[in-house]
PDB file of N, CA and C in Angstrom:
ATOM      1  N   MET A   1      19.451-110.291  45.622  1.00  0.00           N
ATOM      2  CA  MET A   1      19.348-110.135  44.185  1.00  0.00           C
ATOM      3  C   MET A   1      17.914-109.723  43.828  1.00  0.00           C
ATOM      4  N   VAL A   2      17.779-108.766  42.941  1.00  0.00           N
ATOM      5  CA  VAL A   2      16.463-108.324  42.477  1.00  0.00           C
ATOM      6  C   VAL A   2      15.998-109.279  41.394  1.00  0.00           C
ATOM      7  N   SER A   3      14.756-109.768  41.532  1.00  0.00           N
ATOM      8  CA  SER A   3      14.250-110.723  40.552  1.00  0.00           C
ATOM      9  C   SER A   3      13.178-110.138  39.639  1.00  0.00           C
ATOM     10  N   GLU A   4      12.487-109.085  40.085  1.00  0.00           N
ATOM     11  CA  GLU A   4      11.444-108.472  39.266  1.00  0.00           C
ATOM     12  C   GLU A   4      10.977-107.180  39.917  1.00  0.00           C
ATOM     13  N   ILE A   5      10.182-106.417  39.213  1.00  0.00           N
ATOM     14  CA  ILE A   5       9.559-105.229  39.793  1.00  0.00           C
ATOM     15  C   ILE A   5       8.270-105.692  40.467  1.00  0.00           C
ATOM     16  N   ALA A   6       8.144-105.426  41.750  1.00  0.00           N
ATOM     17  CA  ALA A   6       6.963-105.855  42.499  1.00  0.00           C
ATOM     18  C   ALA A   6       5.748-105.018  42.109  1.00  0.00           C
ATOM     19  N   PHE A   7       5.912-103.711  42.069  1.00  0.00           N
ATOM     20  CA  PHE A   7       4.842-102.803  41.666  1.00  0.00           C
ATOM     21  C   PHE A   7       5.444-101.418  41.519  1.00  0.00           C
ATOM     22  N   PHE A   8       4.710-100.518  40.911  1.00  0.00           N
ATOM     23  CA  PHE A   8       5.067 -99.111  40.978  1.00  0.00           C
ATOM     24  C   PHE A   8       3.808 -98.368  41.360  1.00  0.00           C
ATOM     25  N   ALA A   9       3.975 -97.213  42.017  1.00  0.00           N
ATOM     26  CA  ALA A   9       2.826 -96.536  42.606  1.00  0.00           C
ATOM     27  C   ALA A   9       2.940 -95.026  42.462  1.00  0.00           C
ATOM     28  N   TYR A  10       1.782 -94.395  42.430  1.00  0.00           N
ATOM     29  CA  TYR A  10       1.683 -92.942  42.421  1.00  0.00           C
ATOM     30  C   TYR A  10       0.926 -92.512  43.663  1.00  0.00           C
ATOM     31  N   SER A  11       1.381 -91.423  44.256  1.00  0.00           N
ATOM     32  CA  SER A  11       0.696 -90.852  45.410  1.00  0.00           C
ATOM     33  C   SER A  11      -0.351 -89.857  44.918  1.00  0.00           C
ATOM     34  N   VAL A  12      -1.566 -89.994  45.446  1.00  0.00           N
ATOM     35  CA  VAL A  12      -2.690 -89.135  45.075  1.00  0.00           C
ATOM     36  C   VAL A  12      -3.389 -88.665  46.348  1.00  0.00           C
ATOM     37  N   ARG A  13      -4.058 -87.533  46.286  1.00  0.00           N
ATOM     38  CA  ARG A  13      -4.809 -87.041  47.451  1.00  0.00           C
ATOM     39  C   ARG A  13      -6.179 -87.706  47.546  1.00  0.00           C
ATOM     40  N   ASP A  14      -6.809 -87.925  46.409  1.00  0.00           N
ATOM     41  CA  ASP A  14      -8.184 -88.419  46.365  1.00  0.00           C
ATOM     42  C   ASP A  14      -8.189 -89.774  45.636  1.00  0.00           C
ATOM     43  N   VAL A  15      -8.104 -90.855  46.407  1.00  0.00           N
ATOM     44  CA  VAL A  15      -8.011 -92.198  45.829  1.00  0.00           C
ATOM     45  C   VAL A  15      -9.245 -92.546  44.995  1.00  0.00           C
ATOM     46  N   PRO A  16     -10.492 -92.288  45.472  1.00  0.00           N
ATOM     47  CA  PRO A  16     -11.651 -92.607  44.627  1.00  0.00           C
ATOM     48  C   PRO A  16     -11.629 -91.872  43.278  1.00  0.00           C
ATOM     49  N   ARG A  17     -11.222 -90.612  43.288  1.00  0.00           N
ATOM     50  CA  ARG A  17     -11.139 -89.856  42.019  1.00  0.00           C
ATOM     51  C   ARG A  17     -10.077 -90.473  41.121  1.00  0.00           C
ATOM     52  N   ALA A  18      -8.928 -90.833  41.691  1.00  0.00           N
ATOM     53  CA  ALA A  18      -7.859 -91.448  40.903  1.00  0.00           C
ATOM     54  C   ALA A  18      -8.279 -92.821  40.386  1.00  0.00           C
ATOM     55  N   ARG A  19      -9.040 -93.584  41.198  1.00  0.00           N
ATOM     56  CA  ARG A  19      -9.554 -94.888  40.754  1.00  0.00           C
ATOM     57  C   ARG A  19     -10.418 -94.702  39.511  1.00  0.00           C
ATOM     58  N   THR A  20     -11.278 -93.707  39.514  1.00  0.00           N
ATOM     59  CA  THR A  20     -12.134 -93.424  38.362  1.00  0.00           C
ATOM     60  C   THR A  20     -11.287 -93.011  37.158  1.00  0.00           C
ATOM     61  N   PHE A  21     -10.310 -92.145  37.377  1.00  0.00           N
ATOM     62  CA  PHE A  21      -9.461 -91.695  36.270  1.00  0.00           C
ATOM     63  C   PHE A  21      -8.710 -92.856  35.637  1.00  0.00           C
ATOM     64  N   TYR A  22      -7.985 -93.623  36.443  1.00  0.00           N
ATOM     65  CA  TYR A  22      -7.175 -94.703  35.876  1.00  0.00           C
ATOM     66  C   TYR A  22      -8.036 -95.876  35.390  1.00  0.00           C
ATOM     67  N   GLY A  23      -9.162 -96.124  36.039  1.00  0.00           N
ATOM     68  CA  GLY A  23     -10.021 -97.224  35.622  1.00  0.00           C
ATOM     69  C   GLY A  23     -10.905 -96.892  34.439  1.00  0.00           C
ATOM     70  N   GLU A  24     -11.602 -95.771  34.520  1.00  0.00           N
ATOM     71  CA  GLU A  24     -12.559 -95.428  33.461  1.00  0.00           C
ATOM     72  C   GLU A  24     -11.943 -94.601  32.343  1.00  0.00           C
ATOM     73  N   THR A  25     -11.234 -93.548  32.683  1.00  0.00           N
ATOM     74  CA  THR A  25     -10.669 -92.677  31.646  1.00  0.00           C
ATOM     75  C   THR A  25      -9.516 -93.363  30.923  1.00  0.00           C
ATOM     76  N   MET A  26      -8.585 -93.948  31.695  1.00  0.00           N
ATOM     77  CA  MET A  26      -7.428 -94.625  31.094  1.00  0.00           C
ATOM     78  C   MET A  26      -7.754 -96.044  30.645  1.00  0.00           C
ATOM     79  N   GLY A  27      -8.756 -96.663  31.239  1.00  0.00           N
ATOM     80  CA  GLY A  27      -9.147 -98.017  30.848  1.00  0.00           C
ATOM     81  C   GLY A  27      -8.302 -99.116  31.465  1.00  0.00           C
ATOM     82  N   LEU A  28      -7.629 -98.844  32.592  1.00  0.00           N
ATOM     83  CA  LEU A  28      -6.841 -99.885  33.255  1.00  0.00           C
ATOM     84  C   LEU A  28      -7.762-100.856  33.985  1.00  0.00           C
ATOM     85  N   ARG A  29      -7.341-102.110  34.059  1.00  0.00           N
ATOM     86  CA  ARG A  29      -8.128-103.158  34.730  1.00  0.00           C
ATOM     87  C   ARG A  29      -7.775-103.173  36.213  1.00  0.00           C
ATOM     88  N   GLN A  30      -8.799-102.913  37.051  1.00  0.00           N
ATOM     89  CA  GLN A  30      -8.565-102.852  38.495  1.00  0.00           C
ATOM     90  C   GLN A  30      -8.289-104.231  39.065  1.00  0.00           C
ATOM     91  N   GLY A  31      -7.335-104.289  39.962  1.00  0.00           N
ATOM     92  CA  GLY A  31      -7.003-105.500  40.698  1.00  0.00           C
ATOM     93  C   GLY A  31      -7.479-105.353  42.123  1.00  0.00           C
ATOM     94  N   ASP A  32      -6.593-105.613  43.085  1.00  0.00           N
ATOM     95  CA  ASP A  32      -6.944-105.514  44.499  1.00  0.00           C
ATOM     96  C   ASP A  32      -7.227-104.077  44.905  1.00  0.00           C
ATOM     97  N   SER A  33      -8.093-103.936  45.894  1.00  0.00           N
ATOM     98  CA  SER A  33      -8.443-102.629  46.425  1.00  0.00           C
ATOM     99  C   SER A  33      -8.553-102.744  47.934  1.00  0.00           C
ATOM    100  N   PHE A  34      -8.043-101.760  48.618  1.00  0.00           N
ATOM    101  CA  PHE A  34      -8.114-101.734  50.070  1.00  0.00           C
ATOM    102  C   PHE A  34      -8.822-100.459  50.486  1.00  0.00           C
ATOM    103  N   GLY A  35     -10.138-100.456  50.314  1.00  0.00           N
ATOM    104  CA  GLY A  35     -10.955 -99.295  50.653  1.00  0.00           C
ATOM    105  C   GLY A  35     -10.574 -98.091  49.822  1.00  0.00           C
ATOM    106  N   ASP A  36     -10.641 -96.947  50.465  1.00  0.00           N
ATOM    107  CA  ASP A  36     -10.295 -95.699  49.795  1.00  0.00           C
ATOM    108  C   ASP A  36      -8.846 -95.308  50.073  1.00  0.00           C
ATOM    109  N   HIS A  37      -8.012 -96.286  50.452  1.00  0.00           N
ATOM    110  CA  HIS A  37      -6.624 -95.998  50.798  1.00  0.00           C
ATOM    111  C   HIS A  37      -5.637 -96.468  49.744  1.00  0.00           C
ATOM    112  N   TRP A  38      -5.961 -97.553  49.039  1.00  0.00           N
ATOM    113  CA  TRP A  38      -5.006 -98.144  48.092  1.00  0.00           C
ATOM    114  C   TRP A  38      -5.774 -98.933  47.049  1.00  0.00           C
ATOM    115  N   VAL A  39      -5.458 -98.702  45.790  1.00  0.00           N
ATOM    116  CA  VAL A  39      -6.075 -99.424  44.680  1.00  0.00           C
ATOM    117  C   VAL A  39      -4.964 -99.874  43.745  1.00  0.00           C
ATOM    118  N   GLU A  40      -5.061-101.112  43.287  1.00  0.00           N
ATOM    119  CA  GLU A  40      -4.091-101.649  42.342  1.00  0.00           C
ATOM    120  C   GLU A  40      -4.754-101.909  41.000  1.00  0.00           C
ATOM    121  N   PHE A  41      -3.964-101.724  39.946  1.00  0.00           N
ATOM    122  CA  PHE A  41      -4.407-102.019  38.589  1.00  0.00           C
ATOM    123  C   PHE A  41      -3.428-103.017  37.993  1.00  0.00           C
ATOM    124  N   ASP A  42      -3.957-103.971  37.234  1.00  0.00           N
ATOM    125  CA  ASP A  42      -3.130-104.971  36.559  1.00  0.00           C
ATOM    126  C   ASP A  42      -2.787-104.438  35.173  1.00  0.00           C
ATOM    127  N   VAL A  43      -1.496-104.228  34.940  1.00  0.00           N
ATOM    128  CA  VAL A  43      -1.043-103.672  33.666  1.00  0.00           C
ATOM    129  C   VAL A  43       0.035-104.588  33.098  1.00  0.00           C
ATOM    130  N   GLY A  44      -0.362-105.473  32.203  1.00  0.00           N
ATOM    131  CA  GLY A  44       0.591-106.324  31.514  1.00  0.00           C
ATOM    132  C   GLY A  44       1.518-107.119  32.412  1.00  0.00           C
ATOM    133  N   GLY A  45       1.003-107.696  33.470  1.00  0.00           N
ATOM    134  CA  GLY A  45       1.823-108.501  34.362  1.00  0.00           C
ATOM    135  C   GLY A  45       2.517-107.707  35.456  1.00  0.00           C
ATOM    136  N   THR A  46       2.286-106.407  35.500  1.00  0.00           N
ATOM    137  CA  THR A  46       2.851-105.542  36.535  1.00  0.00           C
ATOM    138  C   THR A  46       1.707-104.856  37.260  1.00  0.00           C
ATOM    139  N   THR A  47       1.919-104.534  38.504  1.00  0.00           N
ATOM    140  CA  THR A  47       0.903-103.836  39.285  1.00  0.00           C
ATOM    141  C   THR A  47       1.232-102.355  39.359  1.00  0.00           C
ATOM    142  N   PHE A  48       0.237-101.527  39.059  1.00  0.00           N
ATOM    143  CA  PHE A  48       0.314-100.079  39.205  1.00  0.00           C
ATOM    144  C   PHE A  48      -0.627 -99.717  40.344  1.00  0.00           C
ATOM    145  N   GLY A  49      -0.090 -99.149  41.406  1.00  0.00           N
ATOM    146  CA  GLY A  49      -0.903 -98.816  42.572  1.00  0.00           C
ATOM    147  C   GLY A  49      -1.075 -97.323  42.742  1.00  0.00           C
ATOM    148  N   ILE A  50      -2.206 -96.947  43.331  1.00  0.00           N
ATOM    149  CA  ILE A  50      -2.453 -95.553  43.694  1.00  0.00           C
ATOM    150  C   ILE A  50      -2.901 -95.511  45.141  1.00  0.00           C
ATOM    151  N   GLY A  51      -2.411 -94.531  45.854  1.00  0.00           N
ATOM    152  CA  GLY A  51      -2.789 -94.337  47.251  1.00  0.00           C
ATOM    153  C   GLY A  51      -2.209 -93.030  47.730  1.00  0.00           C
ATOM    154  N   ASN A  52      -2.674 -92.557  48.872  1.00  0.00           N
ATOM    155  CA  ASN A  52      -2.122 -91.338  49.429  1.00  0.00           C
ATOM    156  C   ASN A  52      -0.865 -91.711  50.196  1.00  0.00           C
ATOM    157  N   GLY A  53       0.269 -91.364  49.642  1.00  0.00           N
ATOM    158  CA  GLY A  53       1.548 -91.730  50.232  1.00  0.00           C
ATOM    159  C   GLY A  53       2.185 -90.646  51.078  1.00  0.00           C
ATOM    160  N   GLU A  54       1.400 -89.637  51.472  1.00  0.00           N
ATOM    161  CA  GLU A  54       1.964 -88.531  52.237  1.00  0.00           C
ATOM    162  C   GLU A  54       2.613 -88.991  53.539  1.00  0.00           C
ATOM    163  N   THR A  55       2.012 -89.951  54.228  1.00  0.00           N
ATOM    164  CA  THR A  55       2.594 -90.418  55.498  1.00  0.00           C
ATOM    165  C   THR A  55       3.911 -91.151  55.271  1.00  0.00           C
ATOM    166  N   LEU A  56       4.161 -91.582  54.035  1.00  0.00           N
ATOM    167  CA  LEU A  56       5.416 -92.260  53.697  1.00  0.00           C
ATOM    168  C   LEU A  56       6.427 -91.305  53.064  1.00  0.00           C
ATOM    169  N   GLY A  57       6.038 -90.040  52.941  1.00  0.00           N
ATOM    170  CA  GLY A  57       6.931 -89.046  52.365  1.00  0.00           C
ATOM    171  C   GLY A  57       6.784 -88.826  50.881  1.00  0.00           C
ATOM    172  N   PHE A  58       5.704 -89.332  50.280  1.00  0.00           N
ATOM    173  CA  PHE A  58       5.468 -89.161  48.848  1.00  0.00           C
ATOM    174  C   PHE A  58       4.389 -88.111  48.635  1.00  0.00           C
ATOM    175  N   GLU A  59       4.769 -86.988  48.076  1.00  0.00           N
ATOM    176  CA  GLU A  59       3.855 -85.877  47.854  1.00  0.00           C
ATOM    177  C   GLU A  59       2.921 -86.172  46.673  1.00  0.00           C
ATOM    178  N   PRO A  60       1.604 -86.149  46.891  1.00  0.00           N
ATOM    179  CA  PRO A  60       0.687 -86.339  45.767  1.00  0.00           C
ATOM    180  C   PRO A  60       0.961 -85.315  44.663  1.00  0.00           C
ATOM    181  N   GLY A  61       0.922 -85.786  43.439  1.00  0.00           N
ATOM    182  CA  GLY A  61       1.132 -84.921  42.293  1.00  0.00           C
ATOM    183  C   GLY A  61       2.567 -84.796  41.851  1.00  0.00           C
ATOM    184  N   SER A  62       3.508 -85.443  42.553  1.00  0.00           N
ATOM    185  CA  SER A  62       4.918 -85.310  42.195  1.00  0.00           C
ATOM    186  C   SER A  62       5.493 -86.573  41.568  1.00  0.00           C
ATOM    187  N   SER A  63       4.650 -87.577  41.343  1.00  0.00           N
ATOM    188  CA  SER A  63       5.137 -88.834  40.764  1.00  0.00           C
ATOM    189  C   SER A  63       5.355 -88.694  39.264  1.00  0.00           C
ATOM    190  N   THR A  64       6.351 -89.415  38.769  1.00  0.00           N
ATOM    191  CA  THR A  64       6.634 -89.477  37.330  1.00  0.00           C
ATOM    192  C   THR A  64       7.171 -90.867  37.031  1.00  0.00           C
ATOM    193  N   GLY A  65       7.263 -91.200  35.796  1.00  0.00           N
ATOM    194  CA  GLY A  65       7.925 -92.442  35.420  1.00  0.00           C
ATOM    195  C   GLY A  65       7.037 -93.499  34.808  1.00  0.00           C
ATOM    196  N   ALA A  66       5.751 -93.508  35.110  1.00  0.00           N
ATOM    197  CA  ALA A  66       4.871 -94.520  34.518  1.00  0.00           C
ATOM    198  C   ALA A  66       4.643 -94.177  33.044  1.00  0.00           C
ATOM    199  N   VAL A  67       4.868 -95.159  32.194  1.00  0.00           N
ATOM    200  CA  VAL A  67       4.606 -95.004  30.764  1.00  0.00           C
ATOM    201  C   VAL A  67       3.790 -96.222  30.351  1.00  0.00           C
ATOM    202  N   PHE A  68       2.591 -95.974  29.841  1.00  0.00           N
ATOM    203  CA  PHE A  68       1.656 -97.035  29.491  1.00  0.00           C
ATOM    204  C   PHE A  68       1.689 -97.312  27.995  1.00  0.00           C
ATOM    205  N   GLU A  69       1.894 -98.579  27.640  1.00  0.00           N
ATOM    206  CA  GLU A  69       1.871 -98.993  26.238  1.00  0.00           C
ATOM    207  C   GLU A  69       0.426 -99.004  25.763  1.00  0.00           C
ATOM    208  N   VAL A  70       0.157 -98.406  24.600  1.00  0.00           N
ATOM    209  CA  VAL A  70      -1.186 -98.362  24.030  1.00  0.00           C
ATOM    210  C   VAL A  70      -1.152 -98.905  22.602  1.00  0.00           C
ATOM    211  N   ASP A  71      -2.304 -99.385  22.141  1.00  0.00           N
ATOM    212  CA  ASP A  71      -2.419 -99.896  20.775  1.00  0.00           C
ATOM    213  C   ASP A  71      -2.494 -98.775  19.742  1.00  0.00           C
ATOM    214  N   ASP A  72      -3.130 -97.663  20.138  1.00  0.00           N
ATOM    215  CA  ASP A  72      -3.361 -96.557  19.211  1.00  0.00           C
ATOM    216  C   ASP A  72      -3.183 -95.255  19.983  1.00  0.00           C
ATOM    217  N   LEU A  73      -1.991 -94.689  19.898  1.00  0.00           N
ATOM    218  CA  LEU A  73      -1.674 -93.491  20.665  1.00  0.00           C
ATOM    219  C   LEU A  73      -2.594 -92.327  20.304  1.00  0.00           C
ATOM    220  N   ALA A  74      -2.868 -92.122  19.028  1.00  0.00           N
ATOM    221  CA  ALA A  74      -3.703 -90.991  18.608  1.00  0.00           C
ATOM    222  C   ALA A  74      -5.103 -91.082  19.216  1.00  0.00           C
ATOM    223  N   THR A  75      -5.685 -92.275  19.207  1.00  0.00           N
ATOM    224  CA  THR A  75      -7.025 -92.461  19.761  1.00  0.00           C
ATOM    225  C   THR A  75      -7.030 -92.241  21.269  1.00  0.00           C
ATOM    226  N   MET A  76      -6.048 -92.799  21.972  1.00  0.00           N
ATOM    227  CA  MET A  76      -5.984 -92.637  23.418  1.00  0.00           C
ATOM    228  C   MET A  76      -5.724 -91.184  23.796  1.00  0.00           C
ATOM    229  N   ARG A  77      -4.860 -90.533  23.069  1.00  0.00           N
ATOM    230  CA  ARG A  77      -4.576 -89.113  23.331  1.00  0.00           C
ATOM    231  C   ARG A  77      -5.835 -88.278  23.163  1.00  0.00           C
ATOM    232  N   ARG A  78      -6.563 -88.526  22.080  1.00  0.00           N
ATOM    233  CA  ARG A  78      -7.816 -87.798  21.827  1.00  0.00           C
ATOM    234  C   ARG A  78      -8.828 -88.065  22.943  1.00  0.00           C
ATOM    235  N   ARG A  79      -8.924 -89.324  23.386  1.00  0.00           N
ATOM    236  CA  ARG A  79      -9.844 -89.696  24.472  1.00  0.00           C
ATOM    237  C   ARG A  79      -9.529 -88.907  25.742  1.00  0.00           C
ATOM    238  N   LEU A  80      -8.244 -88.791  26.069  1.00  0.00           N
ATOM    239  CA  LEU A  80      -7.856 -88.051  27.260  1.00  0.00           C
ATOM    240  C   LEU A  80      -8.160 -86.562  27.115  1.00  0.00           C
ATOM    241  N   ILE A  81      -7.835 -85.989  25.973  1.00  0.00           N
ATOM    242  CA  ILE A  81      -8.107 -84.570  25.744  1.00  0.00           C
ATOM    243  C   ILE A  81      -9.601 -84.301  25.859  1.00  0.00           C
ATOM    244  N   GLU A  82     -10.423 -85.167  25.267  1.00  0.00           N
ATOM    245  CA  GLU A  82     -11.875 -84.993  25.337  1.00  0.00           C
ATOM    246  C   GLU A  82     -12.395 -85.136  26.765  1.00  0.00           C
ATOM    247  N   SER A  83     -11.622 -85.810  27.632  1.00  0.00           N
ATOM    248  CA  SER A  83     -11.994 -85.948  29.043  1.00  0.00           C
ATOM    249  C   SER A  83     -11.441 -84.806  29.888  1.00  0.00           C
ATOM    250  N   GLY A  84     -10.801 -83.836  29.258  1.00  0.00           N
ATOM    251  CA  GLY A  84     -10.280 -82.679  29.973  1.00  0.00           C
ATOM    252  C   GLY A  84      -8.908 -82.881  30.590  1.00  0.00           C
ATOM    253  N   VAL A  85      -8.192 -83.907  30.135  1.00  0.00           N
ATOM    254  CA  VAL A  85      -6.867 -84.206  30.673  1.00  0.00           C
ATOM    255  C   VAL A  85      -5.819 -83.359  29.959  1.00  0.00           C
ATOM    256  N   GLU A  86      -4.846 -82.849  30.718  1.00  0.00           N
ATOM    257  CA  GLU A  86      -3.720 -82.110  30.148  1.00  0.00           C
ATOM    258  C   GLU A  86      -2.797 -83.102  29.458  1.00  0.00           C
ATOM    259  N   VAL A  87      -2.693 -82.991  28.124  1.00  0.00           N
ATOM    260  CA  VAL A  87      -1.872 -83.908  27.327  1.00  0.00           C
ATOM    261  C   VAL A  87      -0.941 -83.093  26.433  1.00  0.00           C
ATOM    262  N   GLY A  88       0.325 -83.471  26.407  1.00  0.00           N
ATOM    263  CA  GLY A  88       1.310 -82.766  25.590  1.00  0.00           C
ATOM    264  C   GLY A  88       1.331 -83.245  24.154  1.00  0.00           C
ATOM    265  N   ASP A  89       2.247 -82.688  23.400  1.00  0.00           N
ATOM    266  CA  ASP A  89       2.420 -83.027  21.990  1.00  0.00           C
ATOM    267  C   ASP A  89       2.958 -84.446  21.825  1.00  0.00           C
ATOM    268  N   VAL A  90       2.751 -84.980  20.638  1.00  0.00           N
ATOM    269  CA  VAL A  90       3.274 -86.302  20.294  1.00  0.00           C
ATOM    270  C   VAL A  90       4.726 -86.145  19.838  1.00  0.00           C
ATOM    271  N   HIS A  91       5.580 -87.037  20.354  1.00  0.00           N
ATOM    272  CA  HIS A  91       6.993 -87.064  19.971  1.00  0.00           C
ATOM    273  C   HIS A  91       7.227 -88.332  19.152  1.00  0.00           C
ATOM    274  N   GLU A  92       7.857 -88.167  17.997  1.00  0.00           N
ATOM    275  CA  GLU A  92       8.091 -89.278  17.077  1.00  0.00           C
ATOM    276  C   GLU A  92       9.550 -89.728  17.159  1.00  0.00           C
ATOM    277  N   PHE A  93       9.751 -91.016  17.293  1.00  0.00           N
ATOM    278  CA  PHE A  93      11.071 -91.619  17.313  1.00  0.00           C
ATOM    279  C   PHE A  93      11.075 -92.792  16.333  1.00  0.00           C
ATOM    280  N   PRO A  94      12.222 -93.258  15.899  1.00  0.00           N
ATOM    281  CA  PRO A  94      12.246 -94.362  14.936  1.00  0.00           C
ATOM    282  C   PRO A  94      11.488 -95.613  15.412  1.00  0.00           C
ATOM    283  N   ALA A  95      11.568 -95.932  16.686  1.00  0.00           N
ATOM    284  CA  ALA A  95      10.952 -97.163  17.187  1.00  0.00           C
ATOM    285  C   ALA A  95       9.595 -96.961  17.844  1.00  0.00           C
ATOM    286  N   CYS A  96       9.188 -95.689  18.064  1.00  0.00           N
ATOM    287  CA  CYS A  96       7.943 -95.472  18.810  1.00  0.00           C
ATOM    288  C   CYS A  96       7.434 -94.050  18.635  1.00  0.00           C
ATOM    289  N   VAL A  97       6.221 -93.835  19.138  1.00  0.00           N
ATOM    290  CA  VAL A  97       5.657 -92.499  19.321  1.00  0.00           C
ATOM    291  C   VAL A  97       5.213 -92.417  20.773  1.00  0.00           C
ATOM    292  N   THR A  98       5.304 -91.223  21.340  1.00  0.00           N
ATOM    293  CA  THR A  98       4.957 -91.065  22.748  1.00  0.00           C
ATOM    294  C   THR A  98       4.442 -89.661  23.010  1.00  0.00           C
ATOM    295  N   CYS A  99       3.695 -89.522  24.097  1.00  0.00           N
ATOM    296  CA  CYS A  99       3.290 -88.214  24.593  1.00  0.00           C
ATOM    297  C   CYS A  99       3.138 -88.329  26.103  1.00  0.00           C
ATOM    298  N   PHE A 100       3.058 -87.189  26.757  1.00  0.00           N
ATOM    299  CA  PHE A 100       2.975 -87.182  28.209  1.00  0.00           C
ATOM    300  C   PHE A 100       1.740 -86.422  28.658  1.00  0.00           C
ATOM    301  N   ALA A 101       1.185 -86.839  29.792  1.00  0.00           N
ATOM    302  CA  ALA A 101      -0.039 -86.254  30.311  1.00  0.00           C
ATOM    303  C   ALA A 101       0.061 -86.166  31.832  1.00  0.00           C
ATOM    304  N   ARG A 102      -0.967 -85.593  32.447  1.00  0.00           N
ATOM    305  CA  ARG A 102      -1.032 -85.493  33.906  1.00  0.00           C
ATOM    306  C   ARG A 102      -2.371 -86.025  34.400  1.00  0.00           C
ATOM    307  N   ASP A 103      -2.321 -86.756  35.528  1.00  0.00           N
ATOM    308  CA  ASP A 103      -3.558 -87.241  36.132  1.00  0.00           C
ATOM    309  C   ASP A 103      -4.199 -86.102  36.931  1.00  0.00           C
ATOM    310  N   PRO A 104      -5.380 -86.300  37.528  1.00  0.00           N
ATOM    311  CA  PRO A 104      -6.054 -85.210  38.243  1.00  0.00           C
ATOM    312  C   PRO A 104      -5.240 -84.599  39.383  1.00  0.00           C
ATOM    313  N   ASP A 105      -4.273 -85.330  39.952  1.00  0.00           N
ATOM    314  CA  ASP A 105      -3.435 -84.777  41.018  1.00  0.00           C
ATOM    315  C   ASP A 105      -2.199 -84.071  40.478  1.00  0.00           C
ATOM    316  N   GLY A 106      -1.936 -84.204  39.180  1.00  0.00           N
ATOM    317  CA  GLY A 106      -0.773 -83.587  38.583  1.00  0.00           C
ATOM    318  C   GLY A 106       0.391 -84.535  38.357  1.00  0.00           C
ATOM    319  N   ASN A 107       0.234 -85.819  38.713  1.00  0.00           N
ATOM    320  CA  ASN A 107       1.280 -86.797  38.456  1.00  0.00           C
ATOM    321  C   ASN A 107       1.460 -86.934  36.946  1.00  0.00           C
ATOM    322  N   ARG A 108       2.700 -86.954  36.494  1.00  0.00           N
ATOM    323  CA  ARG A 108       2.992 -87.037  35.062  1.00  0.00           C
ATOM    324  C   ARG A 108       3.171 -88.494  34.653  1.00  0.00           C
ATOM    325  N   PHE A 109       2.563 -88.876  33.524  1.00  0.00           N
ATOM    326  CA  PHE A 109       2.714 -90.221  32.975  1.00  0.00           C
ATOM    327  C   PHE A 109       2.811 -90.128  31.464  1.00  0.00           C
ATOM    328  N   GLY A 110       3.266 -91.201  30.856  1.00  0.00           N
ATOM    329  CA  GLY A 110       3.410 -91.222  29.415  1.00  0.00           C
ATOM    330  C   GLY A 110       2.509 -92.249  28.767  1.00  0.00           C
ATOM    331  N   LEU A 111       2.225 -92.002  27.501  1.00  0.00           N
ATOM    332  CA  LEU A 111       1.579 -92.975  26.621  1.00  0.00           C
ATOM    333  C   LEU A 111       2.625 -93.324  25.571  1.00  0.00           C
ATOM    334  N   HIS A 112       2.704 -94.585  25.207  1.00  0.00           N
ATOM    335  CA  HIS A 112       3.766 -95.059  24.322  1.00  0.00           C
ATOM    336  C   HIS A 112       3.179 -96.070  23.347  1.00  0.00           C
ATOM    337  N   GLN A 113       3.546 -95.954  22.088  1.00  0.00           N
ATOM    338  CA  GLN A 113       3.134 -96.941  21.087  1.00  0.00           C
ATOM    339  C   GLN A 113       4.346 -97.350  20.285  1.00  0.00           C
ATOM    340  N   ARG A 114       4.663 -98.637  20.330  1.00  0.00           N
ATOM    341  CA  ARG A 114       5.781 -99.155  19.545  1.00  0.00           C
ATOM    342  C   ARG A 114       5.416 -99.158  18.061  1.00  0.00           C
ATOM    343  N   ARG A 115       6.399 -98.882  17.240  1.00  0.00           N
ATOM    344  CA  ARG A 115       6.211 -98.986  15.794  1.00  0.00           C
ATOM    345  C   ARG A 115       6.558-100.411  15.372  1.00  0.00           C
ATOM    346  N   ALA A 116       5.999-100.837  14.262  1.00  0.00           N
ATOM    347  CA  ALA A 116       6.366-102.149  13.714  1.00  0.00           C
ATOM    348  C   ALA A 116       7.834-102.089  13.322  1.00  0.00           C
ATOM    349  N   PRO A 117       8.579-103.153  13.581  1.00  0.00           N
ATOM    350  CA  PRO A 117      10.003-103.146  13.212  1.00  0.00           C
ATOM    351  C   PRO A 117      10.169-102.977  11.704  1.00  0.00           C
ATOM    352  N   VAL A 118      11.176-102.207  11.346  1.00  0.00           N
ATOM    353  CA  VAL A 118      11.493-102.004   9.934  1.00  0.00           C
ATOM    354  C   VAL A 118      12.409-103.138   9.499  1.00  0.00           C
ATOM    355  N   ARG A 119      12.011-103.843   8.477  1.00  0.00           N
ATOM    356  CA  ARG A 119      12.818-104.955   7.957  1.00  0.00           C
ATOM    357  C   ARG A 119      13.646-104.441   6.803  1.00  0.00           C
ATOM    358  N   GLU A 120      14.918-104.627   6.913  1.00  0.00           N
ATOM    359  CA  GLU A 120      15.799-104.197   5.832  1.00  0.00           C
ATOM    360  C   GLU A 120      15.770-105.226   4.720  1.00  0.00           C
ATOM    361  N   ASN A 121      15.803-104.742   3.498  1.00  0.00           N
ATOM    362  CA  ASN A 121      15.814-105.615   2.330  1.00  0.00           C
ATOM    363  C   ASN A 121      17.251-106.079   2.097  1.00  0.00           C
ATOM    364  N   VAL A 122      17.494-107.336   2.379  1.00  0.00           N
ATOM    365  CA  VAL A 122      18.832-107.885   2.219  1.00  0.00           C
ATOM    366  C   VAL A 122      18.845-108.704   0.932  1.00  0.00           C
ATOM    367  N   ALA A 123      19.687-108.303   0.004  1.00  0.00           N
ATOM    368  CA  ALA A 123      19.744-108.999  -1.276  1.00  0.00           C
ATOM    369  C   ALA A 123      21.008-109.787  -1.416  1.00  0.00           C
TER     370      ALA A 123
END
């Protein structure tokens, strides 16, 4: 039986460069590190890892699926653009706003901001 997600990971060619991107540019809090081979970040009770996964069959730059919750999507998006990161348009949905970007290896990730719940006026 599956009890939780242990971690999720992206394959990168240059772990030190990715450590700088996710730690400094994205502002993730670094957790365990195993030299220049594997770095973990603590993200809301889940571990996000980066490492060169080519020997395991994971092509750097082909990862997708990570979506990071942010407090202010517009500010974070602007921060990434000013850092030279490829960032797409903002998509608006009733419950959230989101956009997608690419890390230095080309891995695609999302930024997500939940909207405050709309309370219906019940009379």
